[in-house]
């Protein structure tokens, strides 16, 4: 079973600025970045210009480590306790589903598990201990 646990920083419209900062301060290499606009597949759901410029997902390589950074949805600002989460990344949707279902027992579903433009299976759950996990199936091999 190939699984990665990756720190995931959620910001309110400042993810691009944070990425630039981590490149300079930590020597991060940006291996992937996608704006909301680039990933939007549903033209029936128009976003404002500022919402389209938000970062939907990014991956930064820092040494041998991976850090993910994104913006939260407009109108749903990241709250204290949710600014840093753990992203469980797997190569298979079935594996992601199993982990998500286990973590949500006695926990709180924050984003129901489903297909998104950046992942075939993605969901967010706060477990019974108050730890927030993003369960993510990578389109690339983990």
N, C-alpha and C. Protein backbone atom coordinates (compact mmCIF):
# COMPACT_ATOMS: atom_id res chain seq x y z
N UNK A 1 0.86 -1.18 0.00
CA UNK A 1 0.00 0.00 0.00
C UNK A 1 0.90 1.23 0.00
N UNK A 2 0.81 2.04 -1.03
CA UNK A 2 1.60 3.25 -1.15
C UNK A 2 0.78 4.44 -0.66
N UNK A 3 1.18 5.00 0.47
CA UNK A 3 0.46 6.12 1.06
C UNK A 3 1.48 7.16 1.52
N UNK A 4 1.16 8.43 1.28
CA UNK A 4 1.99 9.52 1.78
C UNK A 4 1.14 10.37 2.71
N UNK A 5 1.74 10.86 3.79
CA UNK A 5 1.11 11.84 4.66
C UNK A 5 1.86 13.15 4.43
N UNK A 6 1.13 14.16 3.93
CA UNK A 6 1.74 15.41 3.51
C UNK A 6 1.11 16.58 4.24
N UNK A 7 1.91 17.48 4.82
CA UNK A 7 1.33 18.69 5.40
C UNK A 7 0.69 19.53 4.30
N UNK A 8 -0.49 20.09 4.60
CA UNK A 8 -1.26 20.85 3.62
C UNK A 8 -1.67 22.18 4.25
N UNK A 9 -1.19 23.28 3.69
CA UNK A 9 -1.47 24.61 4.20
C UNK A 9 -2.64 25.20 3.42
N UNK A 10 -3.70 25.62 4.13
CA UNK A 10 -4.87 26.24 3.51
C UNK A 10 -4.89 27.73 3.87
N UNK A 11 -4.99 28.58 2.87
CA UNK A 11 -4.98 30.02 3.08
C UNK A 11 -6.19 30.67 2.42
N UNK A 12 -6.45 31.90 2.77
CA UNK A 12 -7.62 32.61 2.26
C UNK A 12 -7.19 33.64 1.22
N UNK A 13 -6.86 33.15 -0.01
CA UNK A 13 -6.50 34.05 -1.09
C UNK A 13 -5.03 34.44 -1.13
N UNK A 14 -4.20 33.85 -0.27
CA UNK A 14 -2.78 34.22 -0.23
C UNK A 14 -1.86 33.05 -0.57
N UNK A 15 -2.41 31.98 -1.13
CA UNK A 15 -1.59 30.80 -1.43
C UNK A 15 -0.48 31.13 -2.42
N UNK A 16 -0.76 31.89 -3.46
CA UNK A 16 0.27 32.28 -4.43
C UNK A 16 1.42 33.02 -3.77
N UNK A 17 1.07 33.94 -2.88
CA UNK A 17 2.08 34.69 -2.13
C UNK A 17 2.90 33.75 -1.24
N UNK A 18 2.23 32.80 -0.59
CA UNK A 18 2.93 31.84 0.26
C UNK A 18 3.87 30.95 -0.55
N UNK A 19 3.41 30.52 -1.72
CA UNK A 19 4.26 29.69 -2.57
C UNK A 19 5.54 30.44 -2.93
N UNK A 20 5.39 31.69 -3.36
CA UNK A 20 6.57 32.50 -3.69
C UNK A 20 7.50 32.64 -2.49
N UNK A 21 6.91 32.84 -1.32
CA UNK A 21 7.69 32.98 -0.09
C UNK A 21 8.46 31.69 0.21
N UNK A 22 7.81 30.52 0.10
CA UNK A 22 8.47 29.25 0.39
C UNK A 22 9.55 28.93 -0.63
N UNK A 23 9.38 29.38 -1.86
CA UNK A 23 10.43 29.21 -2.87
C UNK A 23 11.68 29.97 -2.43
N UNK A 24 11.49 31.20 -1.99
CA UNK A 24 12.61 32.03 -1.56
C UNK A 24 13.18 31.59 -0.22
N UNK A 25 12.31 31.44 0.77
CA UNK A 25 12.76 31.16 2.13
C UNK A 25 13.25 29.74 2.33
N UNK A 26 12.62 28.77 1.66
CA UNK A 26 12.93 27.36 1.91
C UNK A 26 13.59 26.66 0.73
N UNK A 27 13.76 27.37 -0.38
CA UNK A 27 14.33 26.76 -1.56
C UNK A 27 13.39 25.75 -2.21
N UNK A 28 12.10 25.94 -2.00
CA UNK A 28 11.11 25.01 -2.54
C UNK A 28 11.12 25.05 -4.06
N UNK A 29 10.84 23.90 -4.66
CA UNK A 29 10.65 23.78 -6.10
C UNK A 29 9.17 23.50 -6.32
N UNK A 30 8.52 24.30 -7.16
CA UNK A 30 7.11 24.11 -7.45
C UNK A 30 6.99 23.01 -8.50
N UNK A 31 6.42 21.87 -8.09
CA UNK A 31 6.29 20.77 -9.04
C UNK A 31 4.90 20.73 -9.69
N UNK A 32 3.92 21.42 -9.06
CA UNK A 32 2.58 21.47 -9.63
C UNK A 32 1.84 22.65 -9.02
N UNK A 33 1.11 23.39 -9.87
CA UNK A 33 0.22 24.44 -9.38
C UNK A 33 -0.94 24.57 -10.37
N UNK A 34 -2.15 24.70 -9.81
CA UNK A 34 -3.33 24.85 -10.65
C UNK A 34 -4.26 25.86 -10.00
N UNK A 35 -4.67 26.84 -10.79
CA UNK A 35 -5.65 27.80 -10.30
C UNK A 35 -7.06 27.22 -10.43
N UNK A 36 -7.99 27.84 -9.76
CA UNK A 36 -9.39 27.43 -9.88
C UNK A 36 -9.81 27.54 -11.35
N UNK A 37 -9.43 28.64 -12.00
CA UNK A 37 -9.79 28.86 -13.40
C UNK A 37 -9.29 27.74 -14.31
N UNK A 38 -8.06 27.31 -14.12
CA UNK A 38 -7.48 26.27 -14.97
C UNK A 38 -8.15 24.92 -14.77
N UNK A 39 -8.71 24.70 -13.59
CA UNK A 39 -9.31 23.40 -13.32
C UNK A 39 -10.81 23.36 -13.43
N UNK A 40 -11.45 24.51 -13.63
CA UNK A 40 -12.91 24.53 -13.68
C UNK A 40 -13.40 23.81 -14.92
N UNK A 41 -14.23 22.79 -14.69
CA UNK A 41 -14.78 22.02 -15.80
C UNK A 41 -16.25 22.30 -16.01
N UNK A 42 -16.89 23.02 -15.10
CA UNK A 42 -18.32 23.25 -15.18
C UNK A 42 -18.59 24.72 -15.51
N UNK A 43 -18.78 25.05 -16.79
CA UNK A 43 -19.02 26.45 -17.16
C UNK A 43 -20.33 26.99 -16.59
N UNK A 44 -21.20 26.12 -16.10
CA UNK A 44 -22.45 26.56 -15.48
C UNK A 44 -22.24 27.10 -14.09
N UNK A 45 -21.03 26.99 -13.58
CA UNK A 45 -20.70 27.48 -12.25
C UNK A 45 -19.65 28.59 -12.37
N UNK A 46 -20.02 29.75 -12.92
CA UNK A 46 -19.02 30.80 -13.11
C UNK A 46 -18.49 31.31 -11.78
N UNK A 47 -17.23 31.60 -11.76
CA UNK A 47 -16.56 32.15 -10.58
C UNK A 47 -16.19 33.60 -10.87
N UNK A 48 -16.04 34.39 -9.83
CA UNK A 48 -15.56 35.76 -10.00
C UNK A 48 -14.10 35.70 -10.43
N UNK A 49 -13.60 36.80 -10.99
CA UNK A 49 -12.20 36.84 -11.41
C UNK A 49 -11.26 36.54 -10.25
N UNK A 50 -11.53 37.12 -9.08
CA UNK A 50 -10.65 36.88 -7.94
C UNK A 50 -10.71 35.43 -7.48
N UNK A 51 -11.88 34.81 -7.56
CA UNK A 51 -12.00 33.40 -7.18
C UNK A 51 -11.26 32.51 -8.18
N UNK A 52 -11.30 32.86 -9.46
CA UNK A 52 -10.63 32.06 -10.48
C UNK A 52 -9.12 32.09 -10.33
N UNK A 53 -8.58 33.16 -9.78
CA UNK A 53 -7.13 33.29 -9.60
C UNK A 53 -6.63 32.55 -8.36
N UNK A 54 -7.55 32.10 -7.51
CA UNK A 54 -7.12 31.37 -6.31
C UNK A 54 -6.44 30.06 -6.72
N UNK A 55 -5.55 29.61 -5.86
CA UNK A 55 -4.84 28.36 -6.09
C UNK A 55 -5.73 27.20 -5.62
N UNK A 56 -6.07 26.31 -6.54
CA UNK A 56 -6.88 25.14 -6.20
C UNK A 56 -6.01 24.05 -5.58
N UNK A 57 -4.79 23.92 -6.09
CA UNK A 57 -3.89 22.90 -5.56
C UNK A 57 -2.47 23.22 -6.01
N UNK A 58 -1.52 22.99 -5.13
CA UNK A 58 -0.11 23.10 -5.51
C UNK A 58 0.70 22.11 -4.70
N UNK A 59 1.83 21.73 -5.28
CA UNK A 59 2.76 20.83 -4.62
C UNK A 59 4.15 21.43 -4.71
N UNK A 60 4.81 21.53 -3.57
CA UNK A 60 6.15 22.08 -3.50
C UNK A 60 7.09 21.02 -2.94
N UNK A 61 8.21 20.85 -3.60
CA UNK A 61 9.21 19.91 -3.12
C UNK A 61 10.26 20.72 -2.37
N UNK A 62 10.49 20.32 -1.12
CA UNK A 62 11.48 20.99 -0.28
C UNK A 62 12.42 19.89 0.21
N UNK A 63 13.60 19.81 -0.39
CA UNK A 63 14.49 18.68 -0.09
C UNK A 63 13.79 17.40 -0.52
N UNK A 64 13.68 16.45 0.40
CA UNK A 64 12.99 15.20 0.11
C UNK A 64 11.53 15.24 0.54
N UNK A 65 11.08 16.38 1.06
CA UNK A 65 9.72 16.50 1.58
C UNK A 65 8.79 17.15 0.57
N UNK A 66 7.50 16.94 0.78
CA UNK A 66 6.46 17.54 -0.05
C UNK A 66 5.59 18.41 0.84
N UNK A 67 5.20 19.58 0.34
CA UNK A 67 4.28 20.49 1.02
C UNK A 67 3.23 20.89 0.00
N UNK A 68 1.95 20.82 0.41
CA UNK A 68 0.87 21.26 -0.46
C UNK A 68 0.31 22.57 0.07
N UNK A 69 -0.05 23.46 -0.84
CA UNK A 69 -0.58 24.77 -0.48
C UNK A 69 -1.74 25.08 -1.40
N UNK A 70 -2.84 25.60 -0.84
CA UNK A 70 -4.00 25.99 -1.66
C UNK A 70 -4.78 27.08 -0.94
N UNK A 71 -5.70 27.69 -1.68
CA UNK A 71 -6.63 28.65 -1.10
C UNK A 71 -7.94 27.95 -0.77
N UNK A 72 -8.57 28.37 0.30
CA UNK A 72 -9.90 27.86 0.62
C UNK A 72 -10.90 28.53 -0.32
N UNK A 73 -12.11 28.01 -0.34
CA UNK A 73 -13.16 28.59 -1.18
C UNK A 73 -13.52 29.99 -0.68
N UNK A 74 -13.79 30.93 -1.59
CA UNK A 74 -14.23 32.26 -1.16
C UNK A 74 -15.49 32.14 -0.31
N UNK A 75 -15.55 32.91 0.74
CA UNK A 75 -16.71 32.89 1.63
C UNK A 75 -16.64 31.78 2.66
N UNK A 76 -15.63 30.92 2.56
CA UNK A 76 -15.43 29.86 3.54
C UNK A 76 -13.99 29.93 4.02
N UNK A 77 -13.63 30.99 4.72
CA UNK A 77 -12.23 31.17 5.11
C UNK A 77 -11.75 30.06 6.02
N UNK A 78 -10.47 29.73 5.87
CA UNK A 78 -9.84 28.75 6.74
C UNK A 78 -9.86 29.29 8.17
N UNK A 79 -10.24 28.44 9.07
CA UNK A 79 -10.30 28.84 10.48
C UNK A 79 -9.11 28.26 11.23
N UNK A 80 -8.79 28.86 12.36
CA UNK A 80 -7.74 28.34 13.20
C UNK A 80 -8.01 26.86 13.46
N UNK A 81 -7.01 26.04 13.34
CA UNK A 81 -7.17 24.61 13.47
C UNK A 81 -7.29 23.92 12.12
N UNK A 82 -7.64 24.68 11.07
CA UNK A 82 -7.75 24.12 9.72
C UNK A 82 -6.70 24.70 8.77
N UNK A 83 -5.85 25.59 9.26
CA UNK A 83 -4.85 26.19 8.39
C UNK A 83 -3.80 25.18 7.97
N UNK A 84 -3.50 24.23 8.85
CA UNK A 84 -2.56 23.17 8.53
C UNK A 84 -3.27 21.85 8.75
N UNK A 85 -3.39 21.06 7.70
CA UNK A 85 -4.03 19.76 7.77
C UNK A 85 -3.04 18.71 7.29
N UNK A 86 -3.44 17.46 7.37
CA UNK A 86 -2.62 16.37 6.85
C UNK A 86 -3.33 15.83 5.62
N UNK A 87 -2.61 15.78 4.52
CA UNK A 87 -3.17 15.24 3.28
C UNK A 87 -2.68 13.81 3.12
N UNK A 88 -3.62 12.87 3.15
CA UNK A 88 -3.29 11.47 2.92
C UNK A 88 -3.44 11.23 1.42
N UNK A 89 -2.34 10.95 0.76
CA UNK A 89 -2.32 10.80 -0.69
C UNK A 89 -2.13 9.33 -1.06
N UNK A 90 -3.02 8.82 -1.90
CA UNK A 90 -2.92 7.44 -2.36
C UNK A 90 -3.01 7.42 -3.89
N UNK A 91 -2.61 6.31 -4.51
CA UNK A 91 -2.71 6.21 -5.96
C UNK A 91 -4.04 5.66 -6.46
N UNK A 92 -4.90 5.17 -5.56
CA UNK A 92 -6.13 4.51 -5.98
C UNK A 92 -7.34 5.06 -5.23
N UNK A 93 -8.42 5.36 -5.97
CA UNK A 93 -9.64 5.90 -5.36
C UNK A 93 -10.23 4.95 -4.32
N UNK A 94 -10.14 3.66 -4.54
CA UNK A 94 -10.69 2.69 -3.58
C UNK A 94 -9.95 2.78 -2.25
N UNK A 95 -8.66 2.97 -2.30
CA UNK A 95 -7.84 3.10 -1.10
C UNK A 95 -8.19 4.39 -0.36
N UNK A 96 -8.34 5.47 -1.12
CA UNK A 96 -8.73 6.75 -0.52
C UNK A 96 -10.09 6.62 0.16
N UNK A 97 -11.02 5.97 -0.51
CA UNK A 97 -12.37 5.79 0.04
C UNK A 97 -12.32 5.02 1.36
N UNK A 98 -11.55 3.95 1.41
CA UNK A 98 -11.46 3.15 2.63
C UNK A 98 -10.91 3.98 3.79
N UNK A 99 -9.86 4.76 3.53
CA UNK A 99 -9.26 5.59 4.58
C UNK A 99 -10.25 6.67 5.02
N UNK A 100 -10.89 7.33 4.08
CA UNK A 100 -11.87 8.38 4.38
C UNK A 100 -13.00 7.83 5.25
N UNK A 101 -13.55 6.69 4.86
CA UNK A 101 -14.66 6.08 5.61
C UNK A 101 -14.23 5.74 7.03
N UNK A 102 -13.02 5.25 7.20
CA UNK A 102 -12.52 4.91 8.54
C UNK A 102 -12.35 6.16 9.40
N UNK A 103 -11.80 7.22 8.83
CA UNK A 103 -11.55 8.44 9.59
C UNK A 103 -12.83 9.18 9.97
N UNK A 104 -13.87 9.04 9.18
CA UNK A 104 -15.10 9.80 9.47
C UNK A 104 -15.94 9.18 10.59
N UNK A 105 -15.62 7.94 10.99
CA UNK A 105 -16.35 7.31 12.10
C UNK A 105 -16.20 8.17 13.36
N UNK A 106 -17.29 8.62 13.89
CA UNK A 106 -17.34 9.49 15.08
C UNK A 106 -16.68 10.85 14.82
N UNK A 107 -16.43 11.16 13.55
CA UNK A 107 -15.81 12.43 13.20
C UNK A 107 -16.81 13.35 12.52
N UNK A 108 -16.28 14.32 11.78
CA UNK A 108 -17.10 15.32 11.10
C UNK A 108 -16.68 15.45 9.64
N UNK A 109 -17.61 15.24 8.74
CA UNK A 109 -17.33 15.40 7.32
C UNK A 109 -17.31 16.89 7.00
N UNK A 110 -16.20 17.35 6.44
CA UNK A 110 -16.07 18.75 6.06
C UNK A 110 -16.30 18.92 4.55
N UNK A 111 -15.82 17.97 3.76
CA UNK A 111 -16.06 17.93 2.31
C UNK A 111 -16.37 16.48 1.98
N UNK A 112 -17.59 16.19 1.49
CA UNK A 112 -17.93 14.82 1.15
C UNK A 112 -16.98 14.26 0.08
N UNK A 113 -16.64 12.99 0.19
CA UNK A 113 -15.76 12.35 -0.76
C UNK A 113 -16.40 12.33 -2.14
N UNK A 114 -15.65 12.76 -3.15
CA UNK A 114 -16.16 12.77 -4.51
C UNK A 114 -15.07 13.09 -5.50
N UNK A 115 -15.43 13.10 -6.78
CA UNK A 115 -14.49 13.44 -7.84
C UNK A 115 -14.42 14.96 -7.99
N UNK A 116 -13.22 15.48 -8.14
CA UNK A 116 -12.97 16.90 -8.35
C UNK A 116 -12.04 17.04 -9.55
N UNK A 117 -11.92 18.25 -10.07
CA UNK A 117 -11.07 18.44 -11.25
C UNK A 117 -9.61 18.10 -10.99
N UNK A 118 -9.18 18.10 -9.74
CA UNK A 118 -7.79 17.81 -9.42
C UNK A 118 -7.57 16.40 -8.88
N UNK A 119 -8.66 15.65 -8.66
CA UNK A 119 -8.53 14.31 -8.08
C UNK A 119 -9.77 13.48 -8.37
N UNK A 120 -9.60 12.20 -8.70
CA UNK A 120 -10.76 11.34 -8.91
C UNK A 120 -11.50 11.01 -7.62
N UNK A 121 -10.84 11.15 -6.47
CA UNK A 121 -11.50 10.92 -5.18
C UNK A 121 -10.83 11.82 -4.14
N UNK A 122 -11.61 12.77 -3.62
CA UNK A 122 -11.09 13.74 -2.66
C UNK A 122 -12.19 14.06 -1.65
N UNK A 123 -11.80 14.13 -0.39
CA UNK A 123 -12.73 14.54 0.66
C UNK A 123 -11.96 14.99 1.87
N UNK A 124 -12.63 15.74 2.74
CA UNK A 124 -11.99 16.25 3.95
C UNK A 124 -12.83 15.83 5.15
N UNK A 125 -12.14 15.32 6.15
CA UNK A 125 -12.83 14.86 7.35
C UNK A 125 -12.01 15.23 8.59
N UNK A 126 -12.71 15.65 9.63
CA UNK A 126 -12.07 15.88 10.92
C UNK A 126 -12.36 14.64 11.75
N UNK A 127 -11.31 13.96 12.20
CA UNK A 127 -11.53 12.70 12.92
C UNK A 127 -12.03 12.95 14.34
N UNK A 128 -12.30 11.89 15.06
CA UNK A 128 -12.88 12.01 16.40
C UNK A 128 -11.93 12.66 17.40
N UNK A 129 -10.67 12.86 17.01
CA UNK A 129 -9.71 13.53 17.88
C UNK A 129 -9.52 15.00 17.52
N UNK A 130 -10.25 15.46 16.48
CA UNK A 130 -10.16 16.85 16.06
C UNK A 130 -9.08 17.14 15.04
N UNK A 131 -8.46 16.10 14.48
CA UNK A 131 -7.42 16.27 13.46
C UNK A 131 -8.08 16.26 12.09
N UNK A 132 -7.78 17.26 11.27
CA UNK A 132 -8.37 17.36 9.94
C UNK A 132 -7.46 16.69 8.91
N UNK A 133 -8.06 15.77 8.13
CA UNK A 133 -7.36 15.04 7.08
C UNK A 133 -8.01 15.35 5.74
N UNK A 134 -7.18 15.62 4.74
CA UNK A 134 -7.64 15.68 3.36
C UNK A 134 -7.27 14.34 2.74
N UNK A 135 -8.25 13.62 2.27
CA UNK A 135 -8.02 12.32 1.64
C UNK A 135 -8.01 12.54 0.14
N UNK A 136 -6.91 12.22 -0.50
CA UNK A 136 -6.63 12.66 -1.86
C UNK A 136 -6.10 11.51 -2.71
N UNK A 137 -6.71 11.27 -3.85
CA UNK A 137 -6.18 10.32 -4.82
C UNK A 137 -5.42 11.12 -5.87
N UNK A 138 -4.15 10.82 -6.01
CA UNK A 138 -3.32 11.53 -6.97
C UNK A 138 -3.53 10.99 -8.37
N UNK A 139 -3.54 11.87 -9.34
CA UNK A 139 -3.60 11.44 -10.74
C UNK A 139 -2.23 10.92 -11.18
N UNK A 140 -1.21 11.27 -10.43
CA UNK A 140 0.14 10.76 -10.69
C UNK A 140 0.44 9.70 -9.65
N UNK A 141 1.35 8.84 -9.92
CA UNK A 141 1.75 7.79 -8.97
C UNK A 141 2.37 8.41 -7.74
N UNK A 142 2.00 7.88 -6.57
CA UNK A 142 2.55 8.34 -5.29
C UNK A 142 3.92 7.74 -5.10
